[in-house]
Amino acid sequence: MEPISIDDIDFIDDYILDGYGTYNEKITNTIKEILIKEGIPLDTTYTGKAFWGMKEYIKKNDIKGKNILFIHTGGTPLFFDDLEGLTNEF
């Protein structure tokens, strides 16, 4: 296996909105969709925003027929912190 060079890594921050802790209706809709369809809790600060950003990147770049791995890094406690606001939108 070849080592990965720093030149092989693209850092894309197109989906951070207005920065830390900000989210929008598209992110909350993504969180609800994944919770209902897959049973996976995502939070609005980290994993939900990252998952939404990944989906937007895939759409924008017309990526099809590829295996994509999303690593859920946690955030479940934040999901429960956000739950009151999210349930009002169900």
PDB file of N, CA and C in Angstrom:
ATOM      1  N   MET A   1       0.841  -1.170   0.000  1.00  0.00           N
ATOM      2  CA  MET A   1       0.000   0.000   0.000  1.00  0.00           C
ATOM      3  C   MET A   1       0.897   1.247   0.000  1.00  0.00           C
ATOM      4  N   GLU A   2       0.587   2.170  -0.885  1.00  0.00           N
ATOM      5  CA  GLU A   2       1.363   3.410  -0.967  1.00  0.00           C
ATOM      6  C   GLU A   2       0.922   4.388   0.113  1.00  0.00           C
ATOM      7  N   PRO A   3       1.863   5.104   0.697  1.00  0.00           N
ATOM      8  CA  PRO A   3       1.466   6.137   1.672  1.00  0.00           C
ATOM      9  C   PRO A   3       0.738   7.283   0.975  1.00  0.00           C
ATOM     10  N   ILE A   4      -0.114   7.937   1.709  1.00  0.00           N
ATOM     11  CA  ILE A   4      -0.859   9.079   1.176  1.00  0.00           C
ATOM     12  C   ILE A   4      -0.043  10.344   1.395  1.00  0.00           C
ATOM     13  N   SER A   5       0.099  11.115   0.354  1.00  0.00           N
ATOM     14  CA  SER A   5       0.825  12.380   0.412  1.00  0.00           C
ATOM     15  C   SER A   5      -0.148  13.506   0.744  1.00  0.00           C
ATOM     16  N   ILE A   6       0.353  14.554   1.308  1.00  0.00           N
ATOM     17  CA  ILE A   6      -0.469  15.734   1.584  1.00  0.00           C
ATOM     18  C   ILE A   6      -1.080  16.289   0.294  1.00  0.00           C
ATOM     19  N   ASP A   7      -0.419  16.078  -0.820  1.00  0.00           N
ATOM     20  CA  ASP A   7      -0.930  16.534  -2.115  1.00  0.00           C
ATOM     21  C   ASP A   7      -2.151  15.733  -2.573  1.00  0.00           C
ATOM     22  N   ASP A   8      -2.375  14.561  -1.954  1.00  0.00           N
ATOM     23  CA  ASP A   8      -3.521  13.723  -2.299  1.00  0.00           C
ATOM     24  C   ASP A   8      -4.790  14.134  -1.548  1.00  0.00           C
ATOM     25  N   ILE A   9      -4.678  15.057  -0.623  1.00  0.00           N
ATOM     26  CA  ILE A   9      -5.801  15.439   0.238  1.00  0.00           C
ATOM     27  C   ILE A   9      -6.369  16.772  -0.208  1.00  0.00           C
ATOM     28  N   ASP A  10      -7.681  16.803  -0.426  1.00  0.00           N
ATOM     29  CA  ASP A  10      -8.387  18.048  -0.737  1.00  0.00           C
ATOM     30  C   ASP A  10      -9.236  18.418   0.464  1.00  0.00           C
ATOM     31  N   PHE A  11      -9.008  19.587   1.014  1.00  0.00           N
ATOM     32  CA  PHE A  11      -9.819  20.076   2.128  1.00  0.00           C
ATOM     33  C   PHE A  11     -10.863  21.013   1.560  1.00  0.00           C
ATOM     34  N   ILE A  12     -12.123  20.656   1.704  1.00  0.00           N
ATOM     35  CA  ILE A  12     -13.222  21.433   1.123  1.00  0.00           C
ATOM     36  C   ILE A  12     -14.079  21.960   2.262  1.00  0.00           C
ATOM     37  N   ASP A  13     -14.195  23.261   2.356  1.00  0.00           N
ATOM     38  CA  ASP A  13     -15.022  23.849   3.420  1.00  0.00           C
ATOM     39  C   ASP A  13     -16.193  24.656   2.850  1.00  0.00           C
ATOM     40  N   ASP A  14     -16.695  24.199   1.727  1.00  0.00           N
ATOM     41  CA  ASP A  14     -17.817  24.887   1.073  1.00  0.00           C
ATOM     42  C   ASP A  14     -19.143  24.741   1.824  1.00  0.00           C
ATOM     43  N   TYR A  15     -19.203  23.858   2.793  1.00  0.00           N
ATOM     44  CA  TYR A  15     -20.484  23.514   3.409  1.00  0.00           C
ATOM     45  C   TYR A  15     -20.533  23.834   4.898  1.00  0.00           C
ATOM     46  N   ILE A  16     -19.749  24.826   5.328  1.00  0.00           N
ATOM     47  CA  ILE A  16     -19.734  25.170   6.751  1.00  0.00           C
ATOM     48  C   ILE A  16     -20.762  26.255   7.097  1.00  0.00           C
ATOM     49  N   LEU A  17     -21.463  26.754   6.112  1.00  0.00           N
ATOM     50  CA  LEU A  17     -22.436  27.839   6.279  1.00  0.00           C
ATOM     51  C   LEU A  17     -21.746  29.041   6.906  1.00  0.00           C
ATOM     52  N   ASP A  18     -22.291  29.558   8.001  1.00  0.00           N
ATOM     53  CA  ASP A  18     -21.688  30.727   8.649  1.00  0.00           C
ATOM     54  C   ASP A  18     -20.735  30.334   9.773  1.00  0.00           C
ATOM     55  N   GLY A  19     -20.299  29.087   9.785  1.00  0.00           N
ATOM     56  CA  GLY A  19     -19.319  28.654  10.769  1.00  0.00           C
ATOM     57  C   GLY A  19     -19.882  27.700  11.806  1.00  0.00           C
ATOM     58  N   TYR A  20     -19.130  27.566  12.870  1.00  0.00           N
ATOM     59  CA  TYR A  20     -19.417  26.607  13.936  1.00  0.00           C
ATOM     60  C   TYR A  20     -20.815  26.821  14.516  1.00  0.00           C
ATOM     61  N   GLY A  21     -21.547  25.737  14.639  1.00  0.00           N
ATOM     62  CA  GLY A  21     -22.849  25.767  15.289  1.00  0.00           C
ATOM     63  C   GLY A  21     -23.994  26.256  14.428  1.00  0.00           C
ATOM     64  N   THR A  22     -23.712  26.687  13.205  1.00  0.00           N
ATOM     65  CA  THR A  22     -24.800  27.153  12.346  1.00  0.00           C
ATOM     66  C   THR A  22     -25.339  25.992  11.522  1.00  0.00           C
ATOM     67  N   TYR A  23     -26.625  26.015  11.287  1.00  0.00           N
ATOM     68  CA  TYR A  23     -27.260  25.004  10.451  1.00  0.00           C
ATOM     69  C   TYR A  23     -28.505  25.611   9.830  1.00  0.00           C
ATOM     70  N   ASN A  24     -29.082  24.882   8.900  1.00  0.00           N
ATOM     71  CA  ASN A  24     -30.267  25.381   8.213  1.00  0.00           C
ATOM     72  C   ASN A  24     -31.298  24.259   8.083  1.00  0.00           C
ATOM     73  N   GLU A  25     -32.371  24.569   7.428  1.00  0.00           N
ATOM     74  CA  GLU A  25     -33.463  23.613   7.259  1.00  0.00           C
ATOM     75  C   GLU A  25     -33.026  22.382   6.453  1.00  0.00           C
ATOM     76  N   LYS A  26     -32.131  22.567   5.487  1.00  0.00           N
ATOM     77  CA  LYS A  26     -31.651  21.427   4.700  1.00  0.00           C
ATOM     78  C   LYS A  26     -30.898  20.438   5.586  1.00  0.00           C
ATOM     79  N   ILE A  27     -30.149  20.945   6.542  1.00  0.00           N
ATOM     80  CA  ILE A  27     -29.419  20.072   7.459  1.00  0.00           C
ATOM     81  C   ILE A  27     -30.395  19.348   8.381  1.00  0.00           C
ATOM     82  N   THR A  28     -31.366  20.058   8.935  1.00  0.00           N
ATOM     83  CA  THR A  28     -32.336  19.381   9.817  1.00  0.00           C
ATOM     84  C   THR A  28     -33.154  18.355   9.035  1.00  0.00           C
ATOM     85  N   ASN A  29     -33.468  18.653   7.780  1.00  0.00           N
ATOM     86  CA  ASN A  29     -34.188  17.671   6.958  1.00  0.00           C
ATOM     87  C   ASN A  29     -33.334  16.433   6.706  1.00  0.00           C
ATOM     88  N   THR A  30     -32.029  16.626   6.483  1.00  0.00           N
ATOM     89  CA  THR A  30     -31.110  15.501   6.302  1.00  0.00           C
ATOM     90  C   THR A  30     -31.052  14.665   7.574  1.00  0.00           C
ATOM     91  N   ILE A  31     -30.959  15.314   8.723  1.00  0.00           N
ATOM     92  CA  ILE A  31     -30.910  14.609  10.005  1.00  0.00           C
ATOM     93  C   ILE A  31     -32.164  13.762  10.192  1.00  0.00           C
ATOM     94  N   LYS A  32     -33.319  14.353   9.934  1.00  0.00           N
ATOM     95  CA  LYS A  32     -34.583  13.611  10.079  1.00  0.00           C
ATOM     96  C   LYS A  32     -34.653  12.445   9.104  1.00  0.00           C
ATOM     97  N   GLU A  33     -34.252  12.674   7.859  1.00  0.00           N
ATOM     98  CA  GLU A  33     -34.288  11.619   6.840  1.00  0.00           C
ATOM     99  C   GLU A  33     -33.428  10.420   7.260  1.00  0.00           C
ATOM    100  N   ILE A  34     -32.207  10.677   7.694  1.00  0.00           N
ATOM    101  CA  ILE A  34     -31.299   9.599   8.061  1.00  0.00           C
ATOM    102  C   ILE A  34     -31.776   8.907   9.330  1.00  0.00           C
ATOM    103  N   LEU A  35     -32.332   9.643  10.270  1.00  0.00           N
ATOM    104  CA  LEU A  35     -32.860   9.032  11.490  1.00  0.00           C
ATOM    105  C   LEU A  35     -34.032   8.109  11.169  1.00  0.00           C
ATOM    106  N   ILE A  36     -34.944   8.572  10.335  1.00  0.00           N
ATOM    107  CA  ILE A  36     -36.132   7.782   9.996  1.00  0.00           C
ATOM    108  C   ILE A  36     -35.785   6.589   9.114  1.00  0.00           C
ATOM    109  N   LYS A  37     -34.981   6.801   8.079  1.00  0.00           N
ATOM    110  CA  LYS A  37     -34.670   5.732   7.125  1.00  0.00           C
ATOM    111  C   LYS A  37     -33.636   4.739   7.639  1.00  0.00           C
ATOM    112  N   GLU A  38     -32.634   5.231   8.375  1.00  0.00           N
ATOM    113  CA  GLU A  38     -31.508   4.376   8.760  1.00  0.00           C
ATOM    114  C   GLU A  38     -31.372   4.172  10.265  1.00  0.00           C
ATOM    115  N   GLY A  39     -32.088   4.970  11.061  1.00  0.00           N
ATOM    116  CA  GLY A  39     -31.991   4.860  12.515  1.00  0.00           C
ATOM    117  C   GLY A  39     -30.681   5.405  13.070  1.00  0.00           C
ATOM    118  N   ILE A  40     -30.036   6.289  12.332  1.00  0.00           N
ATOM    119  CA  ILE A  40     -28.742   6.835  12.749  1.00  0.00           C
ATOM    120  C   ILE A  40     -28.943   8.284  13.195  1.00  0.00           C
ATOM    121  N   PRO A  41     -28.634   8.586  14.468  1.00  0.00           N
ATOM    122  CA  PRO A  41     -28.760   9.972  14.916  1.00  0.00           C
ATOM    123  C   PRO A  41     -27.566  10.809  14.458  1.00  0.00           C
ATOM    124  N   LEU A  42     -27.854  11.984  13.927  1.00  0.00           N
ATOM    125  CA  LEU A  42     -26.839  12.954  13.531  1.00  0.00           C
ATOM    126  C   LEU A  42     -27.149  14.257  14.256  1.00  0.00           C
ATOM    127  N   ASP A  43     -26.133  15.033  14.564  1.00  0.00           N
ATOM    128  CA  ASP A  43     -26.357  16.306  15.248  1.00  0.00           C
ATOM    129  C   ASP A  43     -26.201  17.466  14.270  1.00  0.00           C
ATOM    130  N   THR A  44     -26.682  18.640  14.666  1.00  0.00           N
ATOM    131  CA  THR A  44     -26.654  19.799  13.771  1.00  0.00           C
ATOM    132  C   THR A  44     -25.281  20.455  13.690  1.00  0.00           C
ATOM    133  N   THR A  45     -24.420  20.230  14.677  1.00  0.00           N
ATOM    134  CA  THR A  45     -23.125  20.904  14.709  1.00  0.00           C
ATOM    135  C   THR A  45     -22.056  20.174  13.912  1.00  0.00           C
ATOM    136  N   TYR A  46     -22.009  18.849  14.023  1.00  0.00           N
ATOM    137  CA  TYR A  46     -20.920  18.094  13.412  1.00  0.00           C
ATOM    138  C   TYR A  46     -21.413  17.104  12.351  1.00  0.00           C
ATOM    139  N   THR A  47     -21.932  15.967  12.790  1.00  0.00           N
ATOM    140  CA  THR A  47     -22.208  14.870  11.859  1.00  0.00           C
ATOM    141  C   THR A  47     -23.337  15.176  10.882  1.00  0.00           C
ATOM    142  N   GLY A  48     -24.371  15.858  11.337  1.00  0.00           N
ATOM    143  CA  GLY A  48     -25.474  16.204  10.436  1.00  0.00           C
ATOM    144  C   GLY A  48     -25.036  17.165   9.358  1.00  0.00           C
ATOM    145  N   LYS A  49     -24.264  18.175   9.762  1.00  0.00           N
ATOM    146  CA  LYS A  49     -23.758  19.144   8.790  1.00  0.00           C
ATOM    147  C   LYS A  49     -22.782  18.462   7.830  1.00  0.00           C
ATOM    148  N   ALA A  50     -21.933  17.583   8.364  1.00  0.00           N
ATOM    149  CA  ALA A  50     -20.963  16.878   7.515  1.00  0.00           C
ATOM    150  C   ALA A  50     -21.671  15.955   6.523  1.00  0.00           C
ATOM    151  N   PHE A  51     -22.695  15.238   6.990  1.00  0.00           N
ATOM    152  CA  PHE A  51     -23.433  14.330   6.103  1.00  0.00           C
ATOM    153  C   PHE A  51     -24.141  15.124   5.012  1.00  0.00           C
ATOM    154  N   TRP A  52     -24.771  16.226   5.401  1.00  0.00           N
ATOM    155  CA  TRP A  52     -25.431  17.100   4.419  1.00  0.00           C
ATOM    156  C   TRP A  52     -24.409  17.624   3.413  1.00  0.00           C
ATOM    157  N   GLY A  53     -23.245  18.074   3.900  1.00  0.00           N
ATOM    158  CA  GLY A  53     -22.195  18.575   3.015  1.00  0.00           C
ATOM    159  C   GLY A  53     -21.718  17.512   2.041  1.00  0.00           C
ATOM    160  N   MET A  54     -21.584  16.281   2.546  1.00  0.00           N
ATOM    161  CA  MET A  54     -21.176  15.177   1.674  1.00  0.00           C
ATOM    162  C   MET A  54     -22.209  14.961   0.571  1.00  0.00           C
ATOM    163  N   LYS A  55     -23.487  14.944   0.956  1.00  0.00           N
ATOM    164  CA  LYS A  55     -24.539  14.756  -0.057  1.00  0.00           C
ATOM    165  C   LYS A  55     -24.523  15.872  -1.093  1.00  0.00           C
ATOM    166  N   GLU A  56     -24.332  17.105  -0.640  1.00  0.00           N
ATOM    167  CA  GLU A  56     -24.280  18.243  -1.565  1.00  0.00           C
ATOM    168  C   GLU A  56     -23.071  18.136  -2.488  1.00  0.00           C
ATOM    169  N   TYR A  57     -21.935  17.738  -1.960  1.00  0.00           N
ATOM    170  CA  TYR A  57     -20.719  17.573  -2.760  1.00  0.00           C
ATOM    171  C   TYR A  57     -20.925  16.499  -3.834  1.00  0.00           C
ATOM    172  N   ILE A  58     -21.556  15.404  -3.435  1.00  0.00           N
ATOM    173  CA  ILE A  58     -21.828  14.306  -4.384  1.00  0.00           C
ATOM    174  C   ILE A  58     -22.731  14.800  -5.510  1.00  0.00           C
ATOM    175  N   LYS A  59     -23.773  15.547  -5.156  1.00  0.00           N
ATOM    176  CA  LYS A  59     -24.678  16.095  -6.180  1.00  0.00           C
ATOM    177  C   LYS A  59     -23.957  17.082  -7.082  1.00  0.00           C
ATOM    178  N   LYS A  60     -23.240  18.024  -6.472  1.00  0.00           N
ATOM    179  CA  LYS A  60     -22.551  19.077  -7.224  1.00  0.00           C
ATOM    180  C   LYS A  60     -21.543  18.503  -8.211  1.00  0.00           C
ATOM    181  N   ASN A  61     -20.874  17.440  -7.830  1.00  0.00           N
ATOM    182  CA  ASN A  61     -19.832  16.844  -8.665  1.00  0.00           C
ATOM    183  C   ASN A  61     -20.323  15.649  -9.459  1.00  0.00           C
ATOM    184  N   ASP A  62     -21.640  15.414  -9.434  1.00  0.00           N
ATOM    185  CA  ASP A  62     -22.282  14.349 -10.206  1.00  0.00           C
ATOM    186  C   ASP A  62     -21.558  13.003 -10.032  1.00  0.00           C
ATOM    187  N   ILE A  63     -21.307  12.667  -8.779  1.00  0.00           N
ATOM    188  CA  ILE A  63     -20.608  11.419  -8.473  1.00  0.00           C
ATOM    189  C   ILE A  63     -21.636  10.290  -8.471  1.00  0.00           C
ATOM    190  N   LYS A  64     -21.402   9.310  -9.309  1.00  0.00           N
ATOM    191  CA  LYS A  64     -22.314   8.171  -9.434  1.00  0.00           C
ATOM    192  C   LYS A  64     -21.505   6.899  -9.570  1.00  0.00           C
ATOM    193  N   GLY A  65     -22.069   5.790  -9.134  1.00  0.00           N
ATOM    194  CA  GLY A  65     -21.426   4.493  -9.307  1.00  0.00           C
ATOM    195  C   GLY A  65     -20.158   4.315  -8.498  1.00  0.00           C
ATOM    196  N   LYS A  66     -20.033   5.046  -7.396  1.00  0.00           N
ATOM    197  CA  LYS A  66     -18.847   4.955  -6.546  1.00  0.00           C
ATOM    198  C   LYS A  66     -19.256   4.496  -5.152  1.00  0.00           C
ATOM    199  N   ASN A  67     -18.361   3.813  -4.486  1.00  0.00           N
ATOM    200  CA  ASN A  67     -18.556   3.487  -3.082  1.00  0.00           C
ATOM    201  C   ASN A  67     -18.045   4.655  -2.255  1.00  0.00           C
ATOM    202  N   ILE A  68     -18.885   5.152  -1.368  1.00  0.00           N
ATOM    203  CA  ILE A  68     -18.529   6.304  -0.547  1.00  0.00           C
ATOM    204  C   ILE A  68     -18.665   5.907   0.914  1.00  0.00           C
ATOM    205  N   LEU A  69     -17.645   6.218   1.689  1.00  0.00           N
ATOM    206  CA  LEU A  69     -17.639   5.908   3.108  1.00  0.00           C
ATOM    207  C   LEU A  69     -17.783   7.193   3.902  1.00  0.00           C
ATOM    208  N   PHE A  70     -18.812   7.270   4.733  1.00  0.00           N
ATOM    209  CA  PHE A  70     -18.985   8.384   5.667  1.00  0.00           C
ATOM    210  C   PHE A  70     -18.672   7.844   7.043  1.00  0.00           C
ATOM    211  N   ILE A  71     -17.723   8.466   7.720  1.00  0.00           N
ATOM    212  CA  ILE A  71     -17.346   8.012   9.057  1.00  0.00           C
ATOM    213  C   ILE A  71     -18.076   8.875  10.082  1.00  0.00           C
ATOM    214  N   HIS A  72     -18.989   8.233  10.797  1.00  0.00           N
ATOM    215  CA  HIS A  72     -19.760   8.911  11.849  1.00  0.00           C
ATOM    216  C   HIS A  72     -18.861   8.987  13.076  1.00  0.00           C
ATOM    217  N   THR A  73     -18.453  10.199  13.430  1.00  0.00           N
ATOM    218  CA  THR A  73     -17.464  10.374  14.490  1.00  0.00           C
ATOM    219  C   THR A  73     -18.066  10.581  15.870  1.00  0.00           C
ATOM    220  N   GLY A  74     -19.367  10.472  15.976  1.00  0.00           N
ATOM    221  CA  GLY A  74     -19.997  10.657  17.285  1.00  0.00           C
ATOM    222  C   GLY A  74     -21.017  11.764  17.220  1.00  0.00           C
ATOM    223  N   GLY A  75     -21.155  12.472  18.310  1.00  0.00           N
ATOM    224  CA  GLY A  75     -22.115  13.575  18.340  1.00  0.00           C
ATOM    225  C   GLY A  75     -23.476  13.178  18.862  1.00  0.00           C
ATOM    226  N   THR A  76     -23.629  11.927  19.294  1.00  0.00           N
ATOM    227  CA  THR A  76     -24.941  11.494  19.783  1.00  0.00           C
ATOM    228  C   THR A  76     -25.446  12.350  20.937  1.00  0.00           C
ATOM    229  N   PRO A  77     -24.607  12.745  21.914  1.00  0.00           N
ATOM    230  CA  PRO A  77     -25.128  13.640  22.961  1.00  0.00           C
ATOM    231  C   PRO A  77     -25.680  14.943  22.398  1.00  0.00           C
ATOM    232  N   LEU A  78     -25.034  15.481  21.375  1.00  0.00           N
ATOM    233  CA  LEU A  78     -25.537  16.710  20.758  1.00  0.00           C
ATOM    234  C   LEU A  78     -26.861  16.469  20.051  1.00  0.00           C
ATOM    235  N   PHE A  79     -27.056  15.255  19.526  1.00  0.00           N
ATOM    236  CA  PHE A  79     -28.338  14.919  18.901  1.00  0.00           C
ATOM    237  C   PHE A  79     -29.454  15.104  19.918  1.00  0.00           C
ATOM    238  N   PHE A  80     -29.251  14.619  21.133  1.00  0.00           N
ATOM    239  CA  PHE A  80     -30.283  14.733  22.162  1.00  0.00           C
ATOM    240  C   PHE A  80     -30.442  16.185  22.621  1.00  0.00           C
ATOM    241  N   ASP A  81     -29.363  16.972  22.594  1.00  0.00           N
ATOM    242  CA  ASP A  81     -29.478  18.402  22.899  1.00  0.00           C
ATOM    243  C   ASP A  81     -30.352  19.098  21.864  1.00  0.00           C
ATOM    244  N   ASP A  82     -30.239  18.673  20.613  1.00  0.00           N
ATOM    245  CA  ASP A  82     -30.989  19.289  19.512  1.00  0.00           C
ATOM    246  C   ASP A  82     -32.396  18.714  19.350  1.00  0.00           C
ATOM    247  N   LEU A  83     -32.689  17.638  20.039  1.00  0.00           N
ATOM    248  CA  LEU A  83     -33.921  16.887  19.796  1.00  0.00           C
ATOM    249  C   LEU A  83     -35.174  17.732  19.939  1.00  0.00           C
ATOM    250  N   GLU A  84     -35.237  18.591  20.938  1.00  0.00           N
ATOM    251  CA  GLU A  84     -36.429  19.415  21.120  1.00  0.00           C
ATOM    252  C   GLU A  84     -36.709  20.272  19.902  1.00  0.00           C
ATOM    253  N   GLY A  85     -35.694  20.923  19.376  1.00  0.00           N
ATOM    254  CA  GLY A  85     -35.880  21.756  18.196  1.00  0.00           C
ATOM    255  C   GLY A  85     -36.213  20.949  16.954  1.00  0.00           C
ATOM    256  N   LEU A  86     -35.635  19.761  16.849  1.00  0.00           N
ATOM    257  CA  LEU A  86     -35.886  18.925  15.677  1.00  0.00           C
ATOM    258  C   LEU A  86     -37.285  18.328  15.709  1.00  0.00           C
ATOM    259  N   THR A  87     -37.782  17.942  16.880  1.00  0.00           N
ATOM    260  CA  THR A  87     -39.092  17.310  16.926  1.00  0.00           C
ATOM    261  C   THR A  87     -40.201  18.296  16.592  1.00  0.00           C
ATOM    262  N   ASN A  88     -39.961  19.574  16.808  1.00  0.00           N
ATOM    263  CA  ASN A  88     -40.958  20.559  16.427  1.00  0.00           C
ATOM    264  C   ASN A  88     -41.150  20.624  14.913  1.00  0.00           C
ATOM    265  N   GLU A  89     -40.176  20.110  14.193  1.00  0.00           N
ATOM    266  CA  GLU A  89     -40.225  20.158  12.725  1.00  0.00           C
ATOM    267  C   GLU A  89     -40.706  18.856  12.100  1.00  0.00           C
ATOM    268  N   PHE A  90     -40.949  17.802  12.883  1.00  0.00           N
ATOM    269  CA  PHE A  90     -41.428  16.530  12.337  1.00  0.00           C
ATOM    270  C   PHE A  90     -42.854  16.655  11.875  1.00  0.00           C
TER     271      PHE A  90
END
